[in-house]
Amino acid sequence: MKIEADTVKGFRDYLPPESLQRAKIRSIVEKIYRLYGFQPVETPEVEYDELMRSDAVPGQEEDEAVSDRFRLQDRAGRNLGLRYEFTFQLSRIFKMNPTIKLPFKRYQIGNVFRDEPIRVGRTRQFTQCDIDIVGDHNISADAECLAVVGDILKELGIEAEIHINNRKLLDAIIESCELENKKQVLREIDKLDKIGEDMVKMNLKKYGDTNQVATIFKIMEKPLEFFQENKFEGSEDIAQLQKLSKQYGFVPVFRPNLVRGLSYYTGNIFEIVVKGTKTAIAGGGRYDKSVGKYVGREIPAVGVSFSLEALMGICSEQIDKIKIDPPSKAHIISIQQDNAAIKLSRTLRKSGISCSVSMDKIGKALEYANAYGIPYCIFVGKEEVSKKKFKVKDMLSGTEKELVEKSLIKLLSS
């Protein structure tokens, strides 16, 4: 039988330098998550399918991510599936760990899976980067989540805008216009960027007359002050979020037609877009009715999420400017002095200096160092061992010098 040595459709490999680029971004993301006091969580990639099914979460039959989940069976015939996100797993975690101290600030970076159509920049396995604050109903938690993402994008050199709205406000706008079928109206409004205003207006006529449709679009052009003055529910939450965000050094943009997460968001909703475009690179919001569903009580929660693949695809120009660390700081070349080369490598590593060792011919070893951007090569031959001085070559400038071990460590530690 002929074996096709290929990746499964929708899945891919990541090799250097792209894998190094991804690792660098992950390290930046994780560093900033920790700076804000978020703690790491790891969960299984496989869950019972019943925990992921549409009827496990009220209203979640409308979420495409649920219907796109991968389904499996184990040897015992149990129905299982691959996780399609991290958030639904929080409800199981709180059922199994009722003594978790609240508020609980967690982050998670890992693979999720969705059996959905393939298109440019989208794979069926992708790396999700999530933060959530569980057990805090204060809007300060919303602002903190947005500040985290803002700091990450700033460090990556990505100019972005944070757009905000509120699910309660959206509901209030629809109710004020007396349109029928609130959820379907929201679904149509969510298509504005895809099909344009004229088509959305035409579709909305299924749920109201021409005047009602015209009115809802006029209302969605109003500034936040209009909604505050007219006591629209949710408007004060947005105003408070904007006020708190200023303390973190950013001002989110109010977008009254922003729709996200029809099945689970309950309050403020967020979308982070590349500046000057309509392209979203992250999103999130408050979901106060999901986490506590297995413990019989409401547990407030808010979070923001983005995928590494989407970020790298959408912001490729900015990502390419990120300096990638070479696989090691130095390449030790043994010239028939293997024991001494290994001994030196152990000394360097104990000092926190990454290095690799080569017993190949000098030319081949130098070629390897050049190919992987290793900044220094250290020659260990009979003369170096006897003099207790190592010849060090700067691969960028081509200059060479002889250094004793202590000076070598000082150079490579800088």
Protein backbone atom coordinates (compact mmCIF):
# COMPACT_ATOMS: atom_id res chain seq x y z
CA MET A 1 0.00 0.00 0.00
CA LYS A 2 1.35 3.41 -0.99
CA ILE A 3 1.42 5.87 1.94
CA GLU A 4 0.75 9.52 1.21
CA ALA A 5 3.30 11.44 3.29
CA ASP A 6 1.30 14.61 3.66
CA THR A 7 -0.45 16.63 6.36
CA VAL A 8 -4.19 16.23 6.86
CA LYS A 9 -6.21 18.90 5.05
CA GLY A 10 -6.55 21.94 7.28
CA PHE A 11 -3.48 21.09 9.39
CA ARG A 12 0.12 22.16 8.88
CA ASP A 13 3.69 22.02 10.17
CA TYR A 14 5.68 24.99 11.45
CA LEU A 15 9.45 24.91 10.87
CA PRO A 16 12.19 27.50 11.52
CA PRO A 17 12.21 30.43 11.08
CA GLU A 18 8.40 30.55 11.34
CA SER A 19 8.37 28.28 14.40
CA LEU A 20 10.91 30.57 16.10
CA GLN A 21 8.72 33.55 15.23
CA ARG A 22 5.70 31.85 16.77
CA ALA A 23 7.69 30.97 19.89
CA LYS A 24 8.82 34.60 20.24
CA ILE A 25 5.26 35.90 20.01
CA ARG A 26 4.07 33.33 22.55
CA SER A 27 6.80 34.39 24.96
CA ILE A 28 5.74 38.06 24.62
CA VAL A 29 2.07 37.18 25.12
CA GLU A 30 2.79 35.02 28.16
CA LYS A 31 5.11 37.64 29.68
CA ILE A 32 2.39 40.32 29.54
CA TYR A 33 -0.31 37.94 30.82
CA ARG A 34 1.89 37.29 33.86
CA LEU A 35 2.66 41.01 34.33
CA TYR A 36 -1.07 41.52 34.94
CA GLY A 37 -1.26 38.67 37.45
CA PHE A 38 -2.93 36.04 35.27
CA GLN A 39 -2.16 32.41 36.13
CA PRO A 40 -1.63 29.60 33.60
CA VAL A 41 -4.24 26.87 33.14
CA GLU A 42 -3.98 23.73 31.03
CA THR A 43 -6.97 21.62 30.02
CA PRO A 44 -7.41 18.43 27.97
CA GLU A 45 -7.76 18.70 24.22
CA VAL A 46 -10.37 15.92 24.42
CA GLU A 47 -13.67 16.38 26.30
CA TYR A 48 -16.95 14.50 26.57
CA ASP A 49 -19.05 15.47 23.59
CA GLU A 50 -22.08 16.12 25.80
CA LEU A 51 -20.20 19.03 27.43
CA MET A 52 -19.75 20.61 24.00
CA ARG A 53 -23.14 19.92 22.44
CA SER A 54 -25.48 22.77 21.66
CA ASP A 55 -27.96 21.80 24.37
CA ALA A 56 -25.22 21.90 27.04
CA VAL A 57 -25.21 25.70 26.91
CA PRO A 58 -28.54 27.57 26.73
CA GLY A 59 -28.86 29.35 23.40
CA GLN A 60 -25.59 28.02 22.03
CA GLU A 61 -27.27 26.26 19.13
CA GLU A 62 -26.53 29.43 17.16
CA ASP A 63 -22.77 29.24 17.66
CA GLU A 64 -21.02 27.90 14.56
CA ALA A 65 -17.96 26.88 16.59
CA VAL A 66 -20.08 24.29 18.42
CA SER A 67 -21.45 22.70 15.27
CA ASP A 68 -17.94 22.71 13.73
CA ARG A 69 -16.42 20.64 16.54
CA PHE A 70 -14.54 17.41 15.79
CA ARG A 71 -16.33 14.31 17.13
CA LEU A 72 -14.56 11.11 18.25
CA GLN A 73 -15.19 7.81 20.01
CA ASP A 74 -12.86 5.90 22.29
CA ARG A 75 -12.55 2.09 22.51
CA ALA A 76 -15.38 1.94 25.02
CA GLY A 77 -17.71 3.72 22.60
CA ARG A 78 -17.86 6.96 24.62
CA ASN A 79 -18.74 10.03 22.57
CA LEU A 80 -15.87 12.51 22.76
CA GLY A 81 -14.69 15.56 20.89
CA LEU A 82 -11.75 17.91 20.43
CA ARG A 83 -12.09 21.23 22.21
CA TYR A 84 -13.13 24.04 19.87
CA GLU A 85 -12.28 26.78 22.42
CA PHE A 86 -11.23 27.12 26.08
CA THR A 87 -14.12 29.08 27.57
CA PHE A 88 -16.67 26.25 27.77
CA GLN A 89 -14.14 24.23 29.79
CA LEU A 90 -14.28 26.81 32.59
CA SER A 91 -17.79 25.69 33.58
CA ARG A 92 -16.49 22.13 34.04
CA ILE A 93 -13.45 23.37 35.98
CA PHE A 94 -15.65 25.28 38.44
CA LYS A 95 -17.92 22.27 38.90
CA MET A 96 -14.93 20.04 39.70
CA ASN A 97 -13.04 22.67 41.75
CA PRO A 98 -15.64 24.56 43.83
CA THR A 99 -13.02 26.01 46.22
CA ILE A 100 -11.22 28.13 43.59
CA LYS A 101 -10.64 31.55 45.11
CA LEU A 102 -12.45 34.34 43.26
CA PRO A 103 -11.73 36.43 41.37
CA PHE A 104 -9.79 33.89 39.33
CA LYS A 105 -7.50 35.37 36.68
CA ARG A 106 -6.40 32.71 34.25
CA TYR A 107 -4.64 32.55 30.90
CA GLN A 108 -4.34 29.69 28.48
CA ILE A 109 -2.33 29.26 25.29
CA GLY A 110 -2.87 26.06 23.33
CA ASN A 111 -4.39 24.23 20.38
CA VAL A 112 -8.09 24.23 19.58
CA PHE A 113 -9.81 22.45 16.69
CA ARG A 114 -12.69 23.29 14.36
CA ASP A 115 -13.88 21.20 11.43
CA GLU A 116 -14.74 24.22 9.30
CA PRO A 117 -14.16 25.24 5.66
CA ILE A 118 -10.55 26.04 4.79
CA ARG A 119 -9.61 29.47 3.52
CA VAL A 120 -6.49 31.64 3.38
CA GLY A 121 -5.13 32.19 6.88
CA ARG A 122 -7.43 29.65 8.52
CA THR A 123 -6.50 26.14 9.61
CA ARG A 124 -8.52 23.49 11.45
CA GLN A 125 -6.01 23.46 14.29
CA PHE A 126 -4.93 26.81 15.65
CA THR A 127 -3.27 28.22 18.74
CA GLN A 128 -5.66 30.20 20.90
CA CYS A 129 -4.43 32.80 23.41
CA ASP A 130 -7.05 33.53 26.08
CA ILE A 131 -7.37 35.52 29.27
CA ASP A 132 -10.39 35.48 31.57
CA ILE A 133 -11.29 37.09 34.87
CA VAL A 134 -13.90 34.94 36.61
CA GLY A 135 -15.87 36.04 39.65
CA ASP A 136 -15.54 39.82 39.25
CA HIS A 137 -18.63 41.75 38.18
CA ASN A 138 -16.82 45.12 38.18
CA ILE A 139 -16.21 46.76 34.81
CA SER A 140 -12.63 47.35 35.93
CA ALA A 141 -12.09 43.69 34.96
CA ASP A 142 -13.30 44.46 31.43
CA ALA A 143 -10.86 47.38 31.17
CA GLU A 144 -7.97 45.25 32.47
CA CYS A 145 -8.56 42.57 29.82
CA LEU A 146 -8.49 45.20 27.09
CA ALA A 147 -5.34 46.78 28.55
CA VAL A 148 -3.57 43.40 28.40
CA VAL A 149 -4.29 42.96 24.69
CA GLY A 150 -3.37 46.58 24.03
CA ASP A 151 0.03 46.09 25.66
CA ILE A 152 0.66 42.90 23.68
CA LEU A 153 -0.11 44.59 20.36
CA LYS A 154 2.02 47.59 21.31
CA GLU A 155 5.03 45.36 22.03
CA LEU A 156 4.48 43.57 18.71
CA GLY A 157 4.41 46.92 16.89
CA ILE A 158 0.79 46.52 15.74
CA GLU A 159 -1.39 49.64 15.59
CA ALA A 160 -4.93 48.73 16.55
CA GLU A 161 -8.23 50.20 17.68
CA ILE A 162 -10.43 48.73 20.40
CA HIS A 163 -14.13 48.82 19.51
CA ILE A 164 -16.76 48.28 22.19
CA ASN A 165 -20.51 47.86 22.52
CA ASN A 166 -22.93 46.24 24.95
CA ARG A 167 -25.39 43.38 24.42
CA LYS A 168 -27.96 45.00 26.71
CA LEU A 169 -27.74 48.18 24.66
CA LEU A 170 -28.22 46.26 21.40
CA ASP A 171 -31.32 44.58 22.83
CA ALA A 172 -32.66 47.94 24.01
CA ILE A 173 -32.14 49.52 20.56
CA ILE A 174 -34.07 46.71 18.85
CA GLU A 175 -36.87 46.89 21.43
CA SER A 176 -37.15 50.66 20.99
CA CYS A 177 -37.76 50.14 17.26
CA GLU A 178 -40.25 47.31 17.94
CA LEU A 179 -38.61 44.95 15.48
CA GLU A 180 -39.57 41.27 15.71
CA ASN A 181 -37.19 38.35 16.36
CA LYS A 182 -34.40 40.09 18.26
CA LYS A 183 -31.78 37.39 17.71
CA GLN A 184 -32.33 37.26 13.97
CA VAL A 185 -32.14 41.06 13.76
CA LEU A 186 -28.80 40.94 15.58
CA ARG A 187 -27.60 38.28 13.18
CA GLU A 188 -28.44 40.52 10.22
CA ILE A 189 -26.76 43.59 11.77
CA ASP A 190 -23.66 41.44 12.29
CA LYS A 191 -23.41 41.09 8.47
CA LEU A 192 -22.91 44.83 7.87
CA ASP A 193 -19.20 44.59 7.05
CA LYS A 194 -19.74 41.52 4.85
CA ILE A 195 -22.74 42.42 2.68
CA GLY A 196 -23.18 46.17 3.18
CA GLU A 197 -25.89 48.41 4.58
CA ASP A 198 -28.34 48.14 1.65
CA MET A 199 -28.51 44.34 1.81
CA VAL A 200 -28.86 44.36 5.60
CA LYS A 201 -31.72 46.87 5.36
CA MET A 202 -33.45 44.68 2.80
CA ASN A 203 -33.09 41.59 5.01
CA LEU A 204 -34.36 43.46 8.09
CA LYS A 205 -37.66 44.19 6.32
CA LYS A 206 -38.63 40.60 7.22
CA TYR A 207 -38.84 41.77 10.84
CA GLY A 208 -40.24 45.28 10.53
CA ASP A 209 -41.51 47.91 8.12
CA THR A 210 -39.42 50.46 6.20
CA ASN A 211 -39.75 53.13 8.92
CA GLN A 212 -38.66 50.74 11.65
CA VAL A 213 -35.60 49.66 9.66
CA ALA A 214 -34.68 53.28 8.87
CA THR A 215 -35.10 54.19 12.55
CA ILE A 216 -32.76 51.50 13.83
CA PHE A 217 -30.02 52.68 11.46
CA LYS A 218 -30.52 56.31 12.55
CA ILE A 219 -30.27 55.27 16.20
CA MET A 220 -27.09 53.27 15.56
CA GLU A 221 -25.46 56.49 14.29
CA LYS A 222 -26.03 58.27 17.60
CA PRO A 223 -23.20 59.05 20.03
CA LEU A 224 -23.02 57.41 23.45
CA GLU A 225 -24.42 60.54 25.13
CA PHE A 226 -27.73 60.03 23.29
CA PHE A 227 -28.16 56.57 24.79
CA GLN A 228 -27.20 57.80 28.25
CA GLU A 229 -29.64 60.71 28.11
CA ASN A 230 -32.44 58.39 26.99
CA LYS A 231 -31.64 55.78 29.66
CA PHE A 232 -30.82 52.93 27.27
CA GLU A 233 -29.74 49.91 29.30
CA GLY A 234 -26.05 49.12 28.91
CA SER A 235 -25.01 52.67 27.98
CA GLU A 236 -23.67 53.45 31.46
CA ASP A 237 -21.56 50.27 31.37
CA ILE A 238 -19.93 51.49 28.16
CA ALA A 239 -19.34 54.97 29.62
CA GLN A 240 -17.71 53.46 32.71
CA LEU A 241 -15.51 51.19 30.55
CA GLN A 242 -14.32 54.19 28.54
CA LYS A 243 -13.57 56.12 31.73
CA LEU A 244 -11.57 53.24 33.25
CA SER A 245 -9.75 52.59 29.97
CA LYS A 246 -8.35 56.13 30.01
CA GLN A 247 -6.54 55.22 33.23
CA TYR A 248 -4.71 52.51 31.24
CA GLY A 249 -3.78 54.97 28.50
CA PHE A 250 -6.28 54.09 25.77
CA VAL A 251 -9.78 55.13 24.71
CA PRO A 252 -11.97 52.44 23.13
CA VAL A 253 -14.21 53.42 20.24
CA PHE A 254 -17.98 53.06 20.82
CA ARG A 255 -19.59 51.17 17.93
CA PRO A 256 -23.36 50.72 18.47
CA ASN A 257 -23.64 48.24 15.56
CA LEU A 258 -20.95 45.88 16.90
CA VAL A 259 -22.37 42.37 17.43
CA ARG A 260 -20.41 39.43 18.89
CA GLY A 261 -21.20 36.08 20.50
CA LEU A 262 -24.97 36.02 20.11
CA SER A 263 -25.30 32.93 22.29
CA TYR A 264 -23.26 33.84 25.34
CA TYR A 265 -22.19 37.48 25.78
CA THR A 266 -24.32 39.31 28.34
CA GLY A 267 -22.77 42.78 28.74
CA ASN A 268 -19.85 44.71 27.24
CA ILE A 269 -18.42 43.23 24.04
CA PHE A 270 -15.06 44.01 22.43
CA GLU A 271 -13.39 43.76 19.06
CA ILE A 272 -9.79 44.74 18.39
CA VAL A 273 -9.19 45.76 14.77
CA VAL A 274 -6.09 46.75 12.80
CA LYS A 275 -6.01 50.54 12.64
CA GLY A 276 -7.47 51.92 9.43
CA THR A 277 -9.20 48.63 8.51
CA LYS A 278 -12.24 46.59 9.48
CA THR A 279 -10.13 43.48 10.10
CA ALA A 280 -10.55 42.03 13.59
CA ILE A 281 -7.54 40.39 15.25
CA ALA A 282 -9.05 39.73 18.70
CA GLY A 283 -12.38 39.80 20.45
CA GLY A 284 -14.18 39.11 23.67
CA GLY A 285 -16.67 40.36 26.18
CA ARG A 286 -18.58 39.68 29.37
CA TYR A 287 -20.36 36.32 29.71
CA ASP A 288 -21.98 36.20 33.15
CA LYS A 289 -24.35 33.26 32.58
CA SER A 290 -22.03 30.50 31.29
CA VAL A 291 -19.35 29.61 33.85
CA GLY A 292 -21.72 28.81 36.72
CA LYS A 293 -24.20 26.65 34.83
CA TYR A 294 -23.11 23.37 36.49
CA VAL A 295 -22.95 24.79 40.01
CA GLY A 296 -26.42 26.33 39.96
CA ARG A 297 -25.39 29.95 40.41
CA GLU A 298 -24.32 32.88 38.28
CA ILE A 299 -20.57 33.49 38.19
CA PRO A 300 -19.58 36.73 36.42
CA ALA A 301 -16.81 36.42 33.84
CA VAL A 302 -15.09 38.49 31.18
CA GLY A 303 -12.36 37.60 28.71
CA VAL A 304 -10.50 38.35 25.49
CA SER A 305 -9.15 35.87 22.95
CA PHE A 306 -7.12 35.78 19.75
CA SER A 307 -5.41 33.14 17.65
CA LEU A 308 -1.70 33.13 16.87
CA GLU A 309 -2.38 32.17 13.24
CA ALA A 310 -4.83 35.03 12.64
CA LEU A 311 -2.49 37.53 14.27
CA MET A 312 0.47 36.39 12.16
CA GLY A 313 -1.58 36.27 8.97
CA ILE A 314 -3.28 39.64 9.31
CA CYS A 315 -0.27 41.51 10.70
CA SER A 316 2.48 39.73 8.75
CA GLU A 317 4.40 42.94 7.92
CA GLN A 318 4.63 43.97 11.58
CA ILE A 319 5.34 40.42 12.77
CA ASP A 320 8.22 40.07 10.29
CA LYS A 321 9.97 43.00 12.00
CA ILE A 322 10.15 41.15 15.31
CA LYS A 323 13.69 40.09 16.07
CA ILE A 324 13.91 36.31 16.29
CA ASP A 325 16.39 34.81 18.71
CA PRO A 326 18.82 32.33 17.12
CA PRO A 327 18.63 28.72 18.33
CA SER A 328 21.81 29.27 20.37
CA LYS A 329 24.21 32.07 21.33
CA ALA A 330 27.33 30.14 20.40
CA HIS A 331 28.40 27.20 18.25
CA ILE A 332 31.36 25.29 19.74
CA ILE A 333 33.51 23.67 17.07
CA SER A 334 35.65 20.75 18.24
CA ILE A 335 38.91 20.32 16.39
CA GLN A 336 39.65 16.77 17.53
CA GLN A 337 39.07 17.89 21.14
CA ASP A 338 35.58 16.49 21.74
CA ASN A 339 35.86 16.09 25.53
CA ALA A 340 37.08 19.67 25.99
CA ALA A 341 34.30 20.99 23.70
CA ILE A 342 31.62 19.15 25.68
CA LYS A 343 33.13 20.36 28.96
CA LEU A 344 33.01 23.96 27.71
CA SER A 345 29.39 23.54 26.59
CA ARG A 346 28.41 22.36 30.07
CA THR A 347 30.17 25.36 31.66
CA LEU A 348 28.38 27.80 29.34
CA ARG A 349 24.98 26.23 29.91
CA LYS A 350 25.46 26.38 33.70
CA SER A 351 25.97 30.13 33.19
CA GLY A 352 22.67 30.32 31.29
CA ILE A 353 24.27 30.62 27.86
CA SER A 354 22.68 28.55 25.09
CA CYS A 355 25.15 26.74 22.86
CA SER A 356 25.53 23.83 20.46
CA VAL A 357 28.53 21.58 19.81
CA SER A 358 29.85 20.40 16.45
CA MET A 359 32.36 17.61 15.75
CA ASP A 360 32.11 18.22 11.98
CA LYS A 361 34.72 19.78 9.73
CA ILE A 362 35.31 23.48 10.40
CA GLY A 363 33.81 24.64 7.09
CA LYS A 364 30.63 22.65 7.61
CA ALA A 365 30.29 23.86 11.20
CA LEU A 366 30.67 27.51 10.14
CA GLU A 367 28.12 27.01 7.38
CA TYR A 368 25.66 25.64 9.96
CA ALA A 369 26.18 28.65 12.25
CA ASN A 370 25.61 31.03 9.34
CA ALA A 371 22.46 29.22 8.22
CA TYR A 372 20.86 29.55 11.66
CA GLY A 373 22.14 33.02 12.53
CA ILE A 374 24.24 31.87 15.50
CA PRO A 375 26.27 34.97 16.45
CA TYR A 376 29.48 33.35 17.73
CA CYS A 377 31.63 30.34 16.90
CA ILE A 378 34.14 29.05 19.44
CA PHE A 379 37.05 26.92 18.25
CA VAL A 380 38.33 24.22 20.62
CA GLY A 381 41.58 22.70 19.34
CA LYS A 382 44.75 21.33 20.89
CA GLU A 383 46.34 24.80 21.09
CA GLU A 384 43.25 26.36 22.73
CA VAL A 385 43.11 23.61 25.34
CA SER A 386 46.82 23.91 26.23
CA LYS A 387 46.70 27.75 26.43
CA LYS A 388 43.29 27.70 28.19
CA LYS A 389 42.21 30.38 25.70
CA PHE A 390 39.46 29.91 23.13
CA LYS A 391 39.36 31.49 19.68
CA VAL A 392 35.98 33.22 19.28
CA LYS A 393 34.67 34.34 15.91
CA ASP A 394 31.98 37.04 15.62
CA MET A 395 29.91 35.69 12.73
CA LEU A 396 28.48 39.09 11.87
CA SER A 397 31.69 41.11 11.68
CA GLY A 398 34.07 38.22 10.95
CA THR A 399 36.52 39.38 13.65
CA GLU A 400 38.28 36.86 15.87
CA LYS A 401 39.78 37.10 19.35
CA GLU A 402 41.22 34.79 21.98
CA LEU A 403 39.51 34.76 25.37
CA VAL A 404 39.94 32.92 28.63
CA GLU A 405 36.85 31.11 29.92
CA LYS A 406 35.80 33.93 32.30
CA SER A 407 36.00 36.60 29.56
CA LEU A 408 34.19 34.28 27.15
CA ILE A 409 31.28 33.91 29.57
CA LYS A 410 31.18 37.69 30.05
CA LEU A 411 31.04 38.27 26.27
CA LEU A 412 28.30 35.71 25.66
CA SER A 413 26.25 36.90 28.63
CA SER A 414 26.03 40.46 27.29
